[in-house]
Amino acid sequence: AAAAAAKPAEDEPGWPETGAILGVAALGAGVTALALRLKLVRDDGS
C-alpha cells in the first residue's frame, strides 16, 4: 500500500514533498506498529 501511494508522487515531478511526507508517515506507522507489537510480546512473556 505504501509503495502504491508513493508511486504517483514519483510519476509527478511537481510533488516530491508529497512523496517524502507519505514515506515518512508510512515509516512512522511501521515503527509504531513494530514498537506496539514488541511491547505486547514483552507483556505476554512476563
Protein backbone atom coordinates (compact mmCIF):
# COMPACT_ATOMS: atom_id res chain seq x y z
CA ALA A 1 0.00 0.00 0.00
CA ALA A 2 2.81 2.38 0.89
CA ALA A 3 4.61 1.66 -2.38
CA ALA A 4 1.40 2.17 -4.35
CA ALA A 5 0.82 5.51 -2.62
CA ALA A 6 4.39 6.67 -3.22
CA LYS A 7 4.46 5.70 -6.92
CA PRO A 8 2.17 8.51 -8.20
CA ALA A 9 4.35 11.01 -6.34
CA GLU A 10 7.38 9.75 -8.29
CA ASP A 11 5.46 9.98 -11.58
CA GLU A 12 4.61 13.65 -10.90
CA PRO A 13 7.85 15.66 -10.55
CA GLY A 14 5.92 18.62 -9.15
CA TRP A 15 5.11 16.75 -5.93
CA PRO A 16 8.39 15.48 -4.41
CA GLU A 17 7.47 16.77 -0.97
CA THR A 18 4.21 14.79 -1.03
CA GLY A 19 6.15 11.59 -1.69
CA ALA A 20 8.51 12.41 1.17
CA ILE A 21 5.59 13.11 3.53
CA LEU A 22 3.90 9.83 2.58
CA GLY A 23 7.17 7.95 3.02
CA VAL A 24 7.80 9.46 6.45
CA ALA A 25 4.21 8.80 7.51
CA ALA A 26 4.41 5.18 6.34
CA LEU A 27 7.76 4.74 8.09
CA GLY A 28 6.40 6.26 11.31
CA ALA A 29 3.35 4.00 11.19
CA GLY A 30 5.55 0.95 10.63
CA VAL A 31 7.85 1.85 13.53
CA THR A 32 4.85 2.49 15.79
CA ALA A 33 3.25 -0.83 14.86
CA LEU A 34 6.54 -2.66 15.42
CA ALA A 35 7.04 -1.00 18.82
CA LEU A 36 3.48 -1.88 19.89
CA ARG A 37 3.95 -5.48 18.73
CA LEU A 38 7.23 -5.78 20.68
CA LYS A 39 5.56 -4.29 23.76
CA LEU A 40 2.68 -6.79 23.53
CA VAL A 41 5.13 -9.67 23.16
CA ARG A 42 7.09 -8.49 26.20
CA ASP A 43 3.91 -8.10 28.25
CA ASP A 44 2.76 -11.62 27.28
CA GLY A 45 6.17 -13.11 28.06
CA SER A 46 6.41 -11.66 31.56
